[in-house]
Amino acid sequence: MLPIERRDEPDEALRKQVDDGLSAHNARHSKVFAEEDEPEKKPRTLDLFVRDADGQVRAGLLGRLRFAWSGEGWLYVSHLWVDESLRGQDYGTRLLRQAEDAAREAGCIAVHLTTFSFQARPFYEKQGYRCVGTLEGYPPGGSYYWMVKQPL
């Protein structure tokens, strides 16, 4: 039996091997997402940033566009953050709308993301997202939500 190696610090080369292996498996068996050799359907990054006059990032959205073999895609928003000094000034709304517009232009039909109970579920619901799943007690005393906006 092969040994299991533990790493407490990320090794990007090793992480990429696991990601590539899982992506190849998914492409072979599900045909849900497009093959890597279809450039127009290749997964791609969608990141947006708000910088202050000194060039410091004060807000941002990190996302990923994934496309099905049929050409339809989904945007996954992994991060949406607005510095506390900018909250209440529509930066979150503007970032999310700009990402949704870019995703729509790229052929996406929906967006999905996650949030914690202490984060922004009411904000996302106000933007047209609905909760499709809840993990109660994660973190302890809180909840974790899967949110979807469909159609986009």
C-alpha atoms as a PDB file:
ATOM      1  CA  MET A   1       0.000   0.000   0.000  1.00  0.00           C
ATOM      2  CA  LEU A   2       1.281   3.517  -0.848  1.00  0.00           C
ATOM      3  CA  PRO A   3       1.991   5.914   2.020  1.00  0.00           C
ATOM      4  CA  ILE A   4      -0.172   8.972   2.684  1.00  0.00           C
ATOM      5  CA  GLU A   5       1.783  12.221   2.821  1.00  0.00           C
ATOM      6  CA  ARG A   6       0.530  15.065   5.006  1.00  0.00           C
ATOM      7  CA  ARG A   7       1.182  18.719   4.178  1.00  0.00           C
ATOM      8  CA  ASP A   8       0.245  21.497   6.588  1.00  0.00           C
ATOM      9  CA  GLU A   9       1.387  24.201   4.175  1.00  0.00           C
ATOM     10  CA  PRO A  10      -0.008  24.384   0.623  1.00  0.00           C
ATOM     11  CA  ASP A  11       2.136  23.043  -2.208  1.00  0.00           C
ATOM     12  CA  GLU A  12       0.554  24.510  -5.336  1.00  0.00           C
ATOM     13  CA  ALA A  13       2.120  21.922  -7.658  1.00  0.00           C
ATOM     14  CA  LEU A  14       0.658  19.050  -5.631  1.00  0.00           C
ATOM     15  CA  ARG A  15      -2.713  20.796  -5.293  1.00  0.00           C
ATOM     16  CA  LYS A  16      -2.797  21.289  -9.086  1.00  0.00           C
ATOM     17  CA  GLN A  17      -2.200  17.559  -9.630  1.00  0.00           C
ATOM     18  CA  VAL A  18      -5.231  16.697  -7.467  1.00  0.00           C
ATOM     19  CA  ASP A  19      -7.363  19.364  -9.185  1.00  0.00           C
ATOM     20  CA  ASP A  20      -6.280  18.197 -12.653  1.00  0.00           C
ATOM     21  CA  GLY A  21      -6.965  14.557 -11.762  1.00  0.00           C
ATOM     22  CA  LEU A  22     -10.468  15.290 -10.498  1.00  0.00           C
ATOM     23  CA  SER A  23     -11.234  17.544 -13.493  1.00  0.00           C
ATOM     24  CA  ALA A  24     -10.136  14.824 -15.920  1.00  0.00           C
ATOM     25  CA  HIS A  25     -12.258  12.232 -14.096  1.00  0.00           C
ATOM     26  CA  ASN A  26     -15.308  14.515 -14.176  1.00  0.00           C
ATOM     27  CA  ALA A  27     -14.846  15.245 -17.885  1.00  0.00           C
ATOM     28  CA  ARG A  28     -14.564  11.522 -18.734  1.00  0.00           C
ATOM     29  CA  HIS A  29     -17.565  10.388 -16.738  1.00  0.00           C
ATOM     30  CA  SER A  30     -20.125  13.146 -16.525  1.00  0.00           C
ATOM     31  CA  LYS A  31     -19.717  15.222 -19.653  1.00  0.00           C
ATOM     32  CA  VAL A  32     -21.334  17.956 -17.597  1.00  0.00           C
ATOM     33  CA  PHE A  33     -18.503  20.386 -18.152  1.00  0.00           C
ATOM     34  CA  ALA A  34     -16.771  20.995 -21.452  1.00  0.00           C
ATOM     35  CA  GLU A  35     -13.481  19.421 -22.374  1.00  0.00           C
ATOM     36  CA  GLU A  36     -10.359  21.516 -21.922  1.00  0.00           C
ATOM     37  CA  ASP A  37      -9.676  21.363 -25.683  1.00  0.00           C
ATOM     38  CA  GLU A  38     -12.705  23.566 -26.415  1.00  0.00           C
ATOM     39  CA  PRO A  39     -11.191  27.046 -25.883  1.00  0.00           C
ATOM     40  CA  GLU A  40     -14.509  28.902 -25.973  1.00  0.00           C
ATOM     41  CA  LYS A  41     -15.846  26.646 -23.204  1.00  0.00           C
ATOM     42  CA  LYS A  42     -12.692  26.414 -21.100  1.00  0.00           C
ATOM     43  CA  PRO A  43     -13.205  27.395 -17.440  1.00  0.00           C
ATOM     44  CA  ARG A  44     -12.018  30.904 -16.801  1.00  0.00           C
ATOM     45  CA  THR A  45     -11.522  33.386 -14.021  1.00  0.00           C
ATOM     46  CA  LEU A  46     -13.766  36.381 -13.407  1.00  0.00           C
ATOM     47  CA  ASP A  47     -12.248  38.656 -10.750  1.00  0.00           C
ATOM     48  CA  LEU A  48     -13.252  42.257  -9.985  1.00  0.00           C
ATOM     49  CA  PHE A  49     -11.486  44.700  -7.658  1.00  0.00           C
ATOM     50  CA  VAL A  50     -12.121  48.123  -6.130  1.00  0.00           C
ATOM     51  CA  ARG A  51      -8.938  50.038  -5.238  1.00  0.00           C
ATOM     52  CA  ASP A  52      -8.538  53.227  -3.264  1.00  0.00           C
ATOM     53  CA  ALA A  53      -6.369  56.196  -4.325  1.00  0.00           C
ATOM     54  CA  ASP A  54      -3.297  54.425  -2.883  1.00  0.00           C
ATOM     55  CA  GLY A  55      -3.934  51.293  -4.949  1.00  0.00           C
ATOM     56  CA  GLN A  56      -5.059  49.197  -1.979  1.00  0.00           C
ATOM     57  CA  VAL A  57      -7.827  46.690  -2.695  1.00  0.00           C
ATOM     58  CA  ARG A  58     -10.861  47.747  -0.670  1.00  0.00           C
ATOM     59  CA  ALA A  59     -13.426  45.389  -2.201  1.00  0.00           C
ATOM     60  CA  GLY A  60     -13.486  42.510  -4.612  1.00  0.00           C
ATOM     61  CA  LEU A  61     -15.256  39.556  -6.151  1.00  0.00           C
ATOM     62  CA  LEU A  62     -13.490  36.315  -7.108  1.00  0.00           C
ATOM     63  CA  GLY A  63     -15.317  34.035  -9.485  1.00  0.00           C
ATOM     64  CA  ARG A  64     -15.022  31.206 -11.972  1.00  0.00           C
ATOM     65  CA  LEU A  65     -16.982  30.577 -15.175  1.00  0.00           C
ATOM     66  CA  ARG A  66     -17.616  26.909 -16.032  1.00  0.00           C
ATOM     67  CA  PHE A  67     -19.336  25.755 -19.221  1.00  0.00           C
ATOM     68  CA  ALA A  68     -21.294  22.628 -20.086  1.00  0.00           C
ATOM     69  CA  TRP A  69     -20.755  20.702 -23.297  1.00  0.00           C
ATOM     70  CA  SER A  70     -23.950  22.377 -24.568  1.00  0.00           C
ATOM     71  CA  GLY A  71     -22.300  25.783 -24.168  1.00  0.00           C
ATOM     72  CA  GLU A  72     -24.382  26.965 -21.210  1.00  0.00           C
ATOM     73  CA  GLY A  73     -22.368  28.086 -18.234  1.00  0.00           C
ATOM     74  CA  TRP A  74     -22.510  28.888 -14.553  1.00  0.00           C
ATOM     75  CA  LEU A  75     -20.666  31.526 -12.583  1.00  0.00           C
ATOM     76  CA  TYR A  76     -19.356  30.445  -9.192  1.00  0.00           C
ATOM     77  CA  VAL A  77     -18.642  33.349  -6.836  1.00  0.00           C
ATOM     78  CA  SER A  78     -16.101  32.096  -4.332  1.00  0.00           C
ATOM     79  CA  HIS A  79     -15.502  35.448  -2.604  1.00  0.00           C
ATOM     80  CA  LEU A  80     -17.294  38.782  -2.317  1.00  0.00           C
ATOM     81  CA  TRP A  81     -15.739  41.171   0.170  1.00  0.00           C
ATOM     82  CA  VAL A  82     -16.219  44.869   0.884  1.00  0.00           C
ATOM     83  CA  ASP A  83     -14.065  46.662   3.450  1.00  0.00           C
ATOM     84  CA  GLU A  84     -16.152  47.865   6.372  1.00  0.00           C
ATOM     85  CA  SER A  85     -15.408  51.515   5.529  1.00  0.00           C
ATOM     86  CA  LEU A  86     -17.115  51.067   2.130  1.00  0.00           C
ATOM     87  CA  ARG A  87     -20.154  49.062   3.235  1.00  0.00           C
ATOM     88  CA  GLY A  88     -23.565  50.609   2.640  1.00  0.00           C
ATOM     89  CA  GLN A  89     -22.311  52.425  -0.478  1.00  0.00           C
ATOM     90  CA  ASP A  90     -23.483  49.822  -3.049  1.00  0.00           C
ATOM     91  CA  TYR A  91     -20.038  48.386  -3.800  1.00  0.00           C
ATOM     92  CA  GLY A  92     -21.242  44.828  -3.116  1.00  0.00           C
ATOM     93  CA  THR A  93     -24.276  45.311  -5.357  1.00  0.00           C
ATOM     94  CA  ARG A  94     -22.175  46.866  -8.116  1.00  0.00           C
ATOM     95  CA  LEU A  95     -19.561  44.102  -7.975  1.00  0.00           C
ATOM     96  CA  LEU A  96     -22.203  41.380  -8.076  1.00  0.00           C
ATOM     97  CA  ARG A  97     -24.122  43.029 -10.943  1.00  0.00           C
ATOM     98  CA  GLN A  98     -20.964  43.525 -12.986  1.00  0.00           C
ATOM     99  CA  ALA A  99     -20.002  39.870 -12.477  1.00  0.00           C
ATOM    100  CA  GLU A 100     -23.512  38.720 -13.420  1.00  0.00           C
ATOM    101  CA  ASP A 101     -23.453  40.914 -16.552  1.00  0.00           C
ATOM    102  CA  ALA A 102     -20.066  39.504 -17.602  1.00  0.00           C
ATOM    103  CA  ALA A 103     -21.268  35.950 -16.932  1.00  0.00           C
ATOM    104  CA  ARG A 104     -24.438  36.518 -18.972  1.00  0.00           C
ATOM    105  CA  GLU A 105     -22.382  37.931 -21.867  1.00  0.00           C
ATOM    106  CA  ALA A 106     -20.161  34.834 -21.719  1.00  0.00           C
ATOM    107  CA  GLY A 107     -23.206  32.534 -22.003  1.00  0.00           C
ATOM    108  CA  CYS A 108     -23.882  31.722 -18.360  1.00  0.00           C
ATOM    109  CA  ILE A 109     -27.427  30.915 -17.291  1.00  0.00           C
ATOM    110  CA  ALA A 110     -26.997  31.000 -13.508  1.00  0.00           C
ATOM    111  CA  VAL A 111     -24.796  31.916 -10.539  1.00  0.00           C
ATOM    112  CA  HIS A 112     -24.060  29.979  -7.363  1.00  0.00           C
ATOM    113  CA  LEU A 113     -22.235  30.889  -4.177  1.00  0.00           C
ATOM    114  CA  THR A 114     -22.077  30.132  -0.473  1.00  0.00           C
ATOM    115  CA  THR A 115     -22.358  32.320   2.602  1.00  0.00           C
ATOM    116  CA  PHE A 116     -22.437  31.974   6.372  1.00  0.00           C
ATOM    117  CA  SER A 117     -25.219  33.133   8.680  1.00  0.00           C
ATOM    118  CA  PHE A 118     -22.931  35.925   9.967  1.00  0.00           C
ATOM    119  CA  GLN A 119     -22.194  37.119   6.430  1.00  0.00           C
ATOM    120  CA  ALA A 120     -24.602  38.212   3.711  1.00  0.00           C
ATOM    121  CA  ARG A 121     -27.584  35.899   3.108  1.00  0.00           C
ATOM    122  CA  PRO A 122     -30.127  38.795   3.287  1.00  0.00           C
ATOM    123  CA  PHE A 123     -27.981  40.812   0.873  1.00  0.00           C
ATOM    124  CA  TYR A 124     -27.943  37.978  -1.670  1.00  0.00           C
ATOM    125  CA  GLU A 125     -31.678  37.377  -1.312  1.00  0.00           C
ATOM    126  CA  LYS A 126     -32.250  41.080  -2.009  1.00  0.00           C
ATOM    127  CA  GLN A 127     -30.233  40.566  -5.227  1.00  0.00           C
ATOM    128  CA  GLY A 128     -32.512  37.730  -6.379  1.00  0.00           C
ATOM    129  CA  TYR A 129     -30.666  34.711  -4.964  1.00  0.00           C
ATOM    130  CA  ARG A 130     -32.459  31.890  -3.194  1.00  0.00           C
ATOM    131  CA  CYS A 131     -31.174  29.448  -0.624  1.00  0.00           C
ATOM    132  CA  VAL A 132     -31.073  25.883  -1.964  1.00  0.00           C
ATOM    133  CA  GLY A 133     -29.321  24.244   0.964  1.00  0.00           C
ATOM    134  CA  THR A 134     -28.429  24.800   4.591  1.00  0.00           C
ATOM    135  CA  LEU A 135     -25.839  23.194   6.832  1.00  0.00           C
ATOM    136  CA  GLU A 136     -26.950  23.927  10.396  1.00  0.00           C
ATOM    137  CA  GLY A 137     -24.322  24.179  13.123  1.00  0.00           C
ATOM    138  CA  TYR A 138     -21.484  25.116  10.770  1.00  0.00           C
ATOM    139  CA  PRO A 139     -19.738  26.949  12.213  1.00  0.00           C
ATOM    140  CA  PRO A 140     -20.887  26.087  15.736  1.00  0.00           C
ATOM    141  CA  GLY A 141     -23.803  28.366  16.536  1.00  0.00           C
ATOM    142  CA  GLY A 142     -24.220  29.370  12.887  1.00  0.00           C
ATOM    143  CA  SER A 143     -25.259  28.062   9.484  1.00  0.00           C
ATOM    144  CA  TYR A 144     -23.763  27.704   6.002  1.00  0.00           C
ATOM    145  CA  TYR A 145     -25.958  28.420   2.960  1.00  0.00           C
ATOM    146  CA  TRP A 146     -25.811  27.461  -0.703  1.00  0.00           C
ATOM    147  CA  MET A 147     -27.346  30.235  -2.810  1.00  0.00           C
ATOM    148  CA  VAL A 148     -28.421  30.256  -6.474  1.00  0.00           C
ATOM    149  CA  LYS A 149     -29.640  32.862  -8.924  1.00  0.00           C
ATOM    150  CA  GLN A 150     -31.350  31.148 -11.818  1.00  0.00           C
ATOM    151  CA  PRO A 151     -32.157  32.262 -14.420  1.00  0.00           C
ATOM    152  CA  LEU A 152     -29.452  34.862 -14.599  1.00  0.00           C
END
